[in-house]
C-alpha atoms as a PDB file:
ATOM      1  CA  MET A   1     -29.543   3.247  10.297  1.00  0.00           C
ATOM      2  CA  PHE A   2     -27.037   1.223  12.283  1.00  0.00           C
ATOM      3  CA  ILE A   3     -24.098   2.170  14.484  1.00  0.00           C
ATOM      4  CA  PRO A   4     -21.308  -0.265  15.488  1.00  0.00           C
ATOM      5  CA  VAL A   5     -20.966  -0.382  19.268  1.00  0.00           C
ATOM      6  CA  GLY A   6     -18.671  -3.385  19.842  1.00  0.00           C
ATOM      7  CA  ASP A   7     -17.164  -6.538  18.394  1.00  0.00           C
ATOM      8  CA  TYR A   8     -16.682 -10.177  19.372  1.00  0.00           C
ATOM      9  CA  PRO A   9     -14.499 -11.903  20.337  1.00  0.00           C
ATOM     10  CA  ASN A  10     -12.110  -9.508  22.040  1.00  0.00           C
ATOM     11  CA  PRO A  11      -8.471 -10.238  22.869  1.00  0.00           C
ATOM     12  CA  ARG A  12      -7.143 -10.463  26.380  1.00  0.00           C
ATOM     13  CA  GLY A  13      -4.832  -7.722  27.516  1.00  0.00           C
ATOM     14  CA  VAL A  14      -4.913  -3.946  27.372  1.00  0.00           C
ATOM     15  CA  PRO A  15      -4.630  -2.294  23.913  1.00  0.00           C
ATOM     16  CA  VAL A  16      -2.083   0.261  25.083  1.00  0.00           C
ATOM     17  CA  MET A  17      -1.400   1.888  21.714  1.00  0.00           C
ATOM     18  CA  THR A  18      -5.078   2.123  20.819  1.00  0.00           C
ATOM     19  CA  ILE A  19      -5.793   3.829  24.137  1.00  0.00           C
ATOM     20  CA  LEU A  20      -2.790   6.137  23.671  1.00  0.00           C
ATOM     21  CA  LEU A  21      -3.956   7.183  20.195  1.00  0.00           C
ATOM     22  CA  ILE A  22      -7.442   7.908  21.513  1.00  0.00           C
ATOM     23  CA  ALA A  23      -5.970   9.898  24.413  1.00  0.00           C
ATOM     24  CA  VAL A  24      -3.781  11.996  22.102  1.00  0.00           C
ATOM     25  CA  ASN A  25      -6.670  12.765  19.742  1.00  0.00           C
ATOM     26  CA  VAL A  26      -8.966  13.730  22.616  1.00  0.00           C
ATOM     27  CA  ALA A  27      -6.245  15.834  24.268  1.00  0.00           C
ATOM     28  CA  VAL A  28      -5.579  17.762  21.053  1.00  0.00           C
ATOM     29  CA  PHE A  29      -9.295  18.408  20.663  1.00  0.00           C
ATOM     30  CA  VAL A  30      -9.838  19.554  24.260  1.00  0.00           C
ATOM     31  CA  LEU A  31      -6.615  21.513  24.748  1.00  0.00           C
ATOM     32  CA  VAL A  32      -6.136  22.964  21.263  1.00  0.00           C
ATOM     33  CA  SER A  33      -9.196  22.720  19.027  1.00  0.00           C
ATOM     34  CA  LEU A  34     -11.889  23.840  21.467  1.00  0.00           C
ATOM     35  CA  PRO A  35     -10.094  26.954  22.785  1.00  0.00           C
ATOM     36  CA  LEU A  36      -9.007  28.089  19.321  1.00  0.00           C
ATOM     37  CA  ALA A  37     -12.459  27.433  17.836  1.00  0.00           C
ATOM     38  CA  HIS A  38     -13.782  30.252  20.019  1.00  0.00           C
ATOM     39  CA  ALA A  39     -10.852  32.611  19.502  1.00  0.00           C
ATOM     40  CA  PRO A  40     -11.088  35.361  16.858  1.00  0.00           C
ATOM     41  CA  VAL A  41      -8.218  36.062  14.505  1.00  0.00           C
ATOM     42  CA  SER A  42      -6.341  39.261  13.907  1.00  0.00           C
ATOM     43  CA  LEU A  43      -6.944  40.811  10.501  1.00  0.00           C
ATOM     44  CA  ASP A  44      -3.169  41.301  10.369  1.00  0.00           C
ATOM     45  CA  ASP A  45      -2.493  37.556  10.580  1.00  0.00           C
ATOM     46  CA  PRO A  46      -0.229  36.756   7.586  1.00  0.00           C
ATOM     47  CA  ARG A  47      -2.071  33.470   6.971  1.00  0.00           C
ATOM     48  CA  LEU A  48      -5.475  35.113   6.596  1.00  0.00           C
ATOM     49  CA  PRO A  49      -5.316  36.343   2.951  1.00  0.00           C
ATOM     50  CA  ALA A  50      -4.263  32.933   1.610  1.00  0.00           C
ATOM     51  CA  TYR A  51      -6.895  31.209   3.751  1.00  0.00           C
ATOM     52  CA  LEU A  52      -9.675  33.511   2.535  1.00  0.00           C
ATOM     53  CA  ASP A  53      -8.593  33.079  -1.082  1.00  0.00           C
ATOM     54  CA  LEU A  54      -8.736  29.283  -0.776  1.00  0.00           C
ATOM     55  CA  VAL A  55     -12.087  29.175   1.021  1.00  0.00           C
ATOM     56  CA  ALA A  56     -13.641  31.689  -1.379  1.00  0.00           C
ATOM     57  CA  ARG A  57     -12.911  29.314  -4.267  1.00  0.00           C
ATOM     58  CA  SER A  58     -15.229  26.726  -2.725  1.00  0.00           C
ATOM     59  CA  LEU A  59     -18.089  29.173  -2.022  1.00  0.00           C
ATOM     60  CA  PRO A  60     -20.695  30.744  -4.334  1.00  0.00           C
ATOM     61  CA  ARG A  61     -19.703  33.996  -6.008  1.00  0.00           C
ATOM     62  CA  GLY A  62     -20.653  37.152  -4.213  1.00  0.00           C
ATOM     63  CA  VAL A  63     -19.691  36.010  -0.721  1.00  0.00           C
ATOM     64  CA  SER A  64     -18.090  38.927   1.090  1.00  0.00           C
ATOM     65  CA  LEU A  65     -14.490  38.303   2.096  1.00  0.00           C
ATOM     66  CA  GLU A  66     -14.930  40.816   4.901  1.00  0.00           C
ATOM     67  CA  VAL A  67     -17.804  38.786   6.373  1.00  0.00           C
ATOM     68  CA  LEU A  68     -15.822  35.583   5.885  1.00  0.00           C
ATOM     69  CA  ALA A  69     -12.843  37.104   7.694  1.00  0.00           C
ATOM     70  CA  ARG A  70     -15.026  38.042  10.671  1.00  0.00           C
ATOM     71  CA  GLN A  71     -16.321  34.478  10.883  1.00  0.00           C
ATOM     72  CA  THR A  72     -12.848  32.948  10.729  1.00  0.00           C
ATOM     73  CA  THR A  73     -11.485  31.535  13.990  1.00  0.00           C
ATOM     74  CA  ALA A  74      -7.971  30.838  15.176  1.00  0.00           C
ATOM     75  CA  TYR A  75      -8.705  27.131  14.746  1.00  0.00           C
ATOM     76  CA  ASP A  76      -9.571  27.662  11.069  1.00  0.00           C
ATOM     77  CA  LEU A  77      -6.095  29.081  10.540  1.00  0.00           C
ATOM     78  CA  LEU A  78      -4.512  26.264  12.551  1.00  0.00           C
ATOM     79  CA  VAL A  79      -6.237  23.751  10.276  1.00  0.00           C
ATOM     80  CA  PHE A  80      -5.100  25.794   7.273  1.00  0.00           C
ATOM     81  CA  GLU A  81      -1.506  25.550   8.500  1.00  0.00           C
ATOM     82  CA  TYR A  82      -1.394  21.985   9.868  1.00  0.00           C
ATOM     83  CA  GLY A  83      -4.084  20.238   7.837  1.00  0.00           C
ATOM     84  CA  PHE A  84      -2.971  18.538   4.622  1.00  0.00           C
ATOM     85  CA  ARG A  85      -3.330  20.659   1.486  1.00  0.00           C
ATOM     86  CA  ALA A  86      -2.556  19.105  -1.867  1.00  0.00           C
ATOM     87  CA  ASP A  87      -1.214  22.395  -3.220  1.00  0.00           C
ATOM     88  CA  HIS A  88       1.178  22.817  -0.263  1.00  0.00           C
ATOM     89  CA  ALA A  89       1.899  19.200   0.613  1.00  0.00           C
ATOM     90  CA  SER A  90       4.519  18.472   3.238  1.00  0.00           C
ATOM     91  CA  LEU A  91       5.655  15.457   5.210  1.00  0.00           C
ATOM     92  CA  SER A  92       4.762  17.133   8.494  1.00  0.00           C
ATOM     93  CA  THR A  93       1.156  17.973   7.584  1.00  0.00           C
ATOM     94  CA  LEU A  94       0.722  14.454   6.230  1.00  0.00           C
ATOM     95  CA  PHE A  95       0.818  13.366   9.881  1.00  0.00           C
ATOM     96  CA  THR A  96      -0.306  16.417  11.886  1.00  0.00           C
ATOM     97  CA  SER A  97      -3.572  16.401   9.936  1.00  0.00           C
ATOM     98  CA  MET A  98      -4.424  12.992  11.430  1.00  0.00           C
ATOM     99  CA  PHE A  99      -4.746  14.479  14.913  1.00  0.00           C
ATOM    100  CA  LEU A 100      -7.010  17.431  14.092  1.00  0.00           C
ATOM    101  CA  HIS A 101     -10.801  17.139  13.830  1.00  0.00           C
ATOM    102  CA  GLY A 102     -13.610  19.261  12.495  1.00  0.00           C
ATOM    103  CA  GLY A 103     -15.827  18.993  15.567  1.00  0.00           C
ATOM    104  CA  PHE A 104     -16.987  16.809  18.439  1.00  0.00           C
ATOM    105  CA  LEU A 105     -19.044  14.386  16.320  1.00  0.00           C
ATOM    106  CA  HIS A 106     -16.136  13.987  13.893  1.00  0.00           C
ATOM    107  CA  LEU A 107     -13.848  13.097  16.791  1.00  0.00           C
ATOM    108  CA  ALA A 108     -16.378  10.884  18.605  1.00  0.00           C
ATOM    109  CA  GLY A 109     -17.201   8.795  15.542  1.00  0.00           C
ATOM    110  CA  ASN A 110     -13.543   8.232  14.736  1.00  0.00           C
ATOM    111  CA  MET A 111     -12.602   7.301  18.293  1.00  0.00           C
ATOM    112  CA  LEU A 112     -15.554   4.892  18.562  1.00  0.00           C
ATOM    113  CA  PHE A 113     -14.389   3.020  15.469  1.00  0.00           C
ATOM    114  CA  LEU A 114     -10.776   3.014  16.671  1.00  0.00           C
ATOM    115  CA  TRP A 115     -11.839   1.594  20.041  1.00  0.00           C
ATOM    116  CA  ILE A 116     -14.022  -1.137  18.501  1.00  0.00           C
ATOM    117  CA  TYR A 117     -11.598  -2.386  15.869  1.00  0.00           C
ATOM    118  CA  GLY A 118      -8.190  -1.245  17.094  1.00  0.00           C
ATOM    119  CA  ASP A 119      -7.755  -3.666  20.002  1.00  0.00           C
ATOM    120  CA  ASN A 120      -7.911  -6.828  17.892  1.00  0.00           C
ATOM    121  CA  VAL A 121      -5.605  -5.444  15.213  1.00  0.00           C
ATOM    122  CA  GLU A 122      -3.130  -4.170  17.808  1.00  0.00           C
ATOM    123  CA  HIS A 123      -3.179  -7.541  19.581  1.00  0.00           C
ATOM    124  CA  ARG A 124      -2.384  -9.320  16.304  1.00  0.00           C
ATOM    125  CA  LEU A 125       0.316  -6.926  15.083  1.00  0.00           C
ATOM    126  CA  GLY A 126       1.856  -5.740  18.357  1.00  0.00           C
ATOM    127  CA  ALA A 127       1.739  -2.195  19.733  1.00  0.00           C
ATOM    128  CA  VAL A 128       4.636  -0.645  17.793  1.00  0.00           C
ATOM    129  CA  PRO A 129       3.816  -2.265  14.413  1.00  0.00           C
ATOM    130  CA  PHE A 130       0.196  -1.224  14.954  1.00  0.00           C
ATOM    131  CA  LEU A 131       1.270   2.412  15.358  1.00  0.00           C
ATOM    132  CA  PHE A 132       3.526   2.128  12.308  1.00  0.00           C
ATOM    133  CA  TRP A 133       0.748   0.807  10.071  1.00  0.00           C
ATOM    134  CA  TYR A 134      -1.761   3.256  11.535  1.00  0.00           C
ATOM    135  CA  LEU A 135       0.445   6.143  10.391  1.00  0.00           C
ATOM    136  CA  VAL A 136       1.378   4.556   7.051  1.00  0.00           C
ATOM    137  CA  THR A 137      -2.194   3.744   6.043  1.00  0.00           C
ATOM    138  CA  GLY A 138      -3.262   7.177   7.274  1.00  0.00           C
ATOM    139  CA  ALA A 139      -0.679   8.782   5.003  1.00  0.00           C
ATOM    140  CA  ALA A 140      -1.820   6.579   2.108  1.00  0.00           C
ATOM    141  CA  ALA A 141      -5.413   7.631   2.782  1.00  0.00           C
ATOM    142  CA  THR A 142      -4.522  11.321   2.693  1.00  0.00           C
ATOM    143  CA  LEU A 143      -2.540  10.988  -0.539  1.00  0.00           C
ATOM    144  CA  THR A 144      -5.350   8.993  -2.160  1.00  0.00           C
ATOM    145  CA  HIS A 145      -7.811  11.727  -1.254  1.00  0.00           C
ATOM    146  CA  ALA A 146      -5.516  14.376  -2.728  1.00  0.00           C
ATOM    147  CA  LEU A 147      -5.121  12.410  -5.964  1.00  0.00           C
ATOM    148  CA  ILE A 148      -8.729  11.462  -6.687  1.00  0.00           C
ATOM    149  CA  THR A 149     -10.826  14.252  -5.156  1.00  0.00           C
ATOM    150  CA  PRO A 150     -11.626  17.181  -7.482  1.00  0.00           C
ATOM    151  CA  GLY A 151     -12.191  20.766  -6.413  1.00  0.00           C
ATOM    152  CA  PRO A 152     -10.175  23.322  -4.426  1.00  0.00           C
ATOM    153  CA  PRO A 153      -7.442  21.769  -2.239  1.00  0.00           C
ATOM    154  CA  LEU A 154      -9.153  22.471   1.095  1.00  0.00           C
ATOM    155  CA  PRO A 155      -7.222  21.305   4.178  1.00  0.00           C
ATOM    156  CA  LEU A 156      -7.900  17.683   5.079  1.00  0.00           C
ATOM    157  CA  VAL A 157      -8.040  16.769   8.768  1.00  0.00           C
ATOM    158  CA  GLY A 158      -9.133  13.788  10.810  1.00  0.00           C
ATOM    159  CA  ALA A 159      -8.095  10.307  11.863  1.00  0.00           C
ATOM    160  CA  SER A 160     -10.665   8.545   9.694  1.00  0.00           C
ATOM    161  CA  GLY A 161      -8.188   7.667   6.938  1.00  0.00           C
ATOM    162  CA  ALA A 162      -5.842   5.965   9.402  1.00  0.00           C
ATOM    163  CA  ILE A 163      -8.760   4.259  11.148  1.00  0.00           C
ATOM    164  CA  SER A 164     -10.015   3.041   7.777  1.00  0.00           C
ATOM    165  CA  GLY A 165      -6.600   1.426   7.426  1.00  0.00           C
ATOM    166  CA  VAL A 166      -7.258  -0.391  10.713  1.00  0.00           C
ATOM    167  CA  LEU A 167     -10.600  -1.550   9.277  1.00  0.00           C
ATOM    168  CA  GLY A 168      -8.827  -2.915   6.210  1.00  0.00           C
ATOM    169  CA  PHE A 169      -6.530  -4.945   8.458  1.00  0.00           C
ATOM    170  CA  TYR A 170      -9.511  -6.147  10.493  1.00  0.00           C
ATOM    171  CA  PHE A 171     -11.416  -7.234   7.370  1.00  0.00           C
ATOM    172  CA  LEU A 172      -8.655  -9.596   6.275  1.00  0.00           C
ATOM    173  CA  LEU A 173      -7.298 -10.766   9.629  1.00  0.00           C
ATOM    174  CA  PHE A 174     -10.572 -11.567  11.411  1.00  0.00           C
ATOM    175  CA  PRO A 175     -12.979 -13.195   8.944  1.00  0.00           C
ATOM    176  CA  GLY A 176     -14.921 -15.009  11.669  1.00  0.00           C
ATOM    177  CA  HIS A 177     -15.530 -12.053  13.975  1.00  0.00           C
ATOM    178  CA  PHE A 178     -18.831 -10.299  14.596  1.00  0.00           C
ATOM    179  CA  VAL A 179     -19.756  -6.672  15.176  1.00  0.00           C
ATOM    180  CA  ARG A 180     -22.500  -5.645  17.570  1.00  0.00           C
ATOM    181  CA  VAL A 181     -24.517  -2.889  15.921  1.00  0.00           C
ATOM    182  CA  LEU A 182     -27.235  -0.649  17.263  1.00  0.00           C
ATOM    183  CA  LEU A 183     -30.167  -0.800  14.839  1.00  0.00           C
ATOM    184  CA  LEU A 184     -32.324   2.322  14.725  1.00  0.00           C
ATOM    185  CA  LEU A 185     -35.347   1.365  12.639  1.00  0.00           C
ATOM    186  CA  PHE A 186     -37.915   3.786  14.038  1.00  0.00           C
ATOM    187  CA  PRO A 187     -40.666   2.993  14.924  1.00  0.00           C
ATOM    188  CA  PHE A 188     -40.306  -0.712  14.196  1.00  0.00           C
ATOM    189  CA  TYR A 189     -37.167  -1.754  16.027  1.00  0.00           C
ATOM    190  CA  VAL A 190     -34.461  -0.290  18.216  1.00  0.00           C
ATOM    191  CA  GLY A 191     -31.865  -2.659  19.648  1.00  0.00           C
ATOM    192  CA  THR A 192     -28.540  -4.389  19.090  1.00  0.00           C
ATOM    193  CA  VAL A 193     -27.760  -7.353  16.856  1.00  0.00           C
ATOM    194  CA  MET A 194     -24.585  -9.261  15.980  1.00  0.00           C
ATOM    195  CA  ILE A 195     -23.566  -9.094  12.311  1.00  0.00           C
ATOM    196  CA  PRO A 196     -20.520 -10.732  10.666  1.00  0.00           C
ATOM    197  CA  ALA A 197     -17.683  -8.206  10.657  1.00  0.00           C
ATOM    198  CA  ARG A 198     -17.006  -8.600   6.948  1.00  0.00           C
ATOM    199  CA  ILE A 199     -20.588  -7.611   6.126  1.00  0.00           C
ATOM    200  CA  VAL A 200     -20.385  -4.504   8.325  1.00  0.00           C
ATOM    201  CA  LEU A 201     -16.998  -3.485   6.931  1.00  0.00           C
ATOM    202  CA  GLY A 202     -18.061  -4.258   3.372  1.00  0.00           C
ATOM    203  CA  LEU A 203     -21.073  -1.972   3.803  1.00  0.00           C
ATOM    204  CA  TYR A 204     -18.781   0.689   5.258  1.00  0.00           C
ATOM    205  CA  LEU A 205     -16.523   0.549   2.212  1.00  0.00           C
ATOM    206  CA  VAL A 206     -19.123   0.269  -0.540  1.00  0.00           C
ATOM    207  CA  VAL A 207     -22.336   1.872   0.753  1.00  0.00           C
ATOM    208  CA  ASP A 208     -20.908   4.499   3.110  1.00  0.00           C
ATOM    209  CA  ASN A 209     -17.967   5.569   0.954  1.00  0.00           C
ATOM    210  CA  LEU A 210     -17.580   4.214  -2.589  1.00  0.00           C
ATOM    211  CA  LEU A 211     -21.127   4.930  -3.789  1.00  0.00           C
ATOM    212  CA  PRO A 212     -21.285   8.427  -2.234  1.00  0.00           C
ATOM    213  CA  PHE A 213     -17.865   9.209  -3.730  1.00  0.00           C
ATOM    214  CA  LEU A 214     -19.040   8.184  -7.197  1.00  0.00           C
ATOM    215  CA  LEU A 215     -22.162  10.339  -6.815  1.00  0.00           C
ATOM    216  CA  ALA A 216     -20.468  13.402  -5.274  1.00  0.00           C
ATOM    217  CA  PRO A 217     -16.659  13.130  -5.392  1.00  0.00           C
ATOM    218  CA  SER A 218     -16.104  16.705  -4.220  1.00  0.00           C
ATOM    219  CA  GLY A 219     -18.552  16.583  -1.303  1.00  0.00           C
ATOM    220  CA  PRO A 220     -17.736  17.645   2.270  1.00  0.00           C
ATOM    221  CA  VAL A 221     -16.867  14.117   3.435  1.00  0.00           C
ATOM    222  CA  ALA A 222     -13.396  12.751   2.632  1.00  0.00           C
ATOM    223  CA  TYR A 223     -14.634   9.581   0.951  1.00  0.00           C
ATOM    224  CA  GLY A 224     -11.395   9.283  -1.011  1.00  0.00           C
ATOM    225  CA  ALA A 225      -9.394   9.125   2.221  1.00  0.00           C
ATOM    226  CA  HIS A 226     -11.668   6.459   3.684  1.00  0.00           C
ATOM    227  CA  ILE A 227     -11.418   4.329   0.546  1.00  0.00           C
ATOM    228  CA  GLY A 228      -7.656   4.798   0.245  1.00  0.00           C
ATOM    229  CA  GLY A 229      -7.039   3.981   3.905  1.00  0.00           C
ATOM    230  CA  PHE A 230      -9.183   0.843   3.821  1.00  0.00           C
ATOM    231  CA  LEU A 231      -7.488  -0.466   0.674  1.00  0.00           C
ATOM    232  CA  ALA A 232      -4.044   0.364   2.089  1.00  0.00           C
ATOM    233  CA  GLY A 233      -4.824  -1.637   5.238  1.00  0.00           C
ATOM    234  CA  LEU A 234      -6.180  -4.503   3.167  1.00  0.00           C
ATOM    235  CA  ILE A 235      -3.074  -4.592   0.962  1.00  0.00           C
ATOM    236  CA  ALA A 236      -0.704  -4.330   3.942  1.00  0.00           C
ATOM    237  CA  ALA A 237      -2.500  -7.178   5.745  1.00  0.00           C
ATOM    238  CA  ALA A 238      -2.376  -9.330   2.601  1.00  0.00           C
ATOM    239  CA  TRP A 239       1.352  -8.597   2.189  1.00  0.00           C
ATOM    240  CA  MET A 240       2.020  -9.587   5.798  1.00  0.00           C
ATOM    241  CA  ARG A 241       0.018 -12.776   5.369  1.00  0.00           C
ATOM    242  CA  LEU A 242       1.984 -13.704   2.248  1.00  0.00           C
ATOM    243  CA  ARG A 243       5.204 -13.214   4.211  1.00  0.00           C
ATOM    244  CA  GLY A 244       3.869 -15.512   6.923  1.00  0.00           C
ATOM    245  CA  ARG A 245       3.590 -12.856   9.625  1.00  0.00           C
END
């Protein structure tokens, strides 16, 4: 197992937009997600029947809707309303879904990757273009997931599709960069090593996402979004390079 913890070289200057995106995601999690995750819902909530019907379609038969309703939190209904659902797609949820997360580890992993790779891409593109492409590749990731992932249209949330777009940019724009990874090879070796960025990102695309998607396309991880975001970033970076930007 290995975990990216940094990259080299790093640009001079402060990645303002990267920091702002991290701050917004963390603020939404702390101020909205956490409180609502511990708040029960009213059985009279008009969103509850549709939510239960959708979730029940992804569960084994015989699961009690009454028990499911008792376990539902206010955050579940927020995700149901503002996450992206293929059967109720809207322009607003295409973007609001990028700032909601399923838990602390989901948020932490995404923000770690954004911090590692975002500064170089932002430095190359500029702060405003970086934000533009972050949102565009995130939208492309979400739509890709909706198109290629079978099963009930459960709400999709998380920044990983947009961050995968950043990784696609990084792959093409910084071929000579390295990523510092923490290797956890218990009990033989635990430490950090420098690996070429294209190897790390190639493994992310193929081993972490493409192969698992082919084996279990309707699994709990949004592999389709990760693949779609990465390819969108790669294509956008190639288009910009062809235009001499």
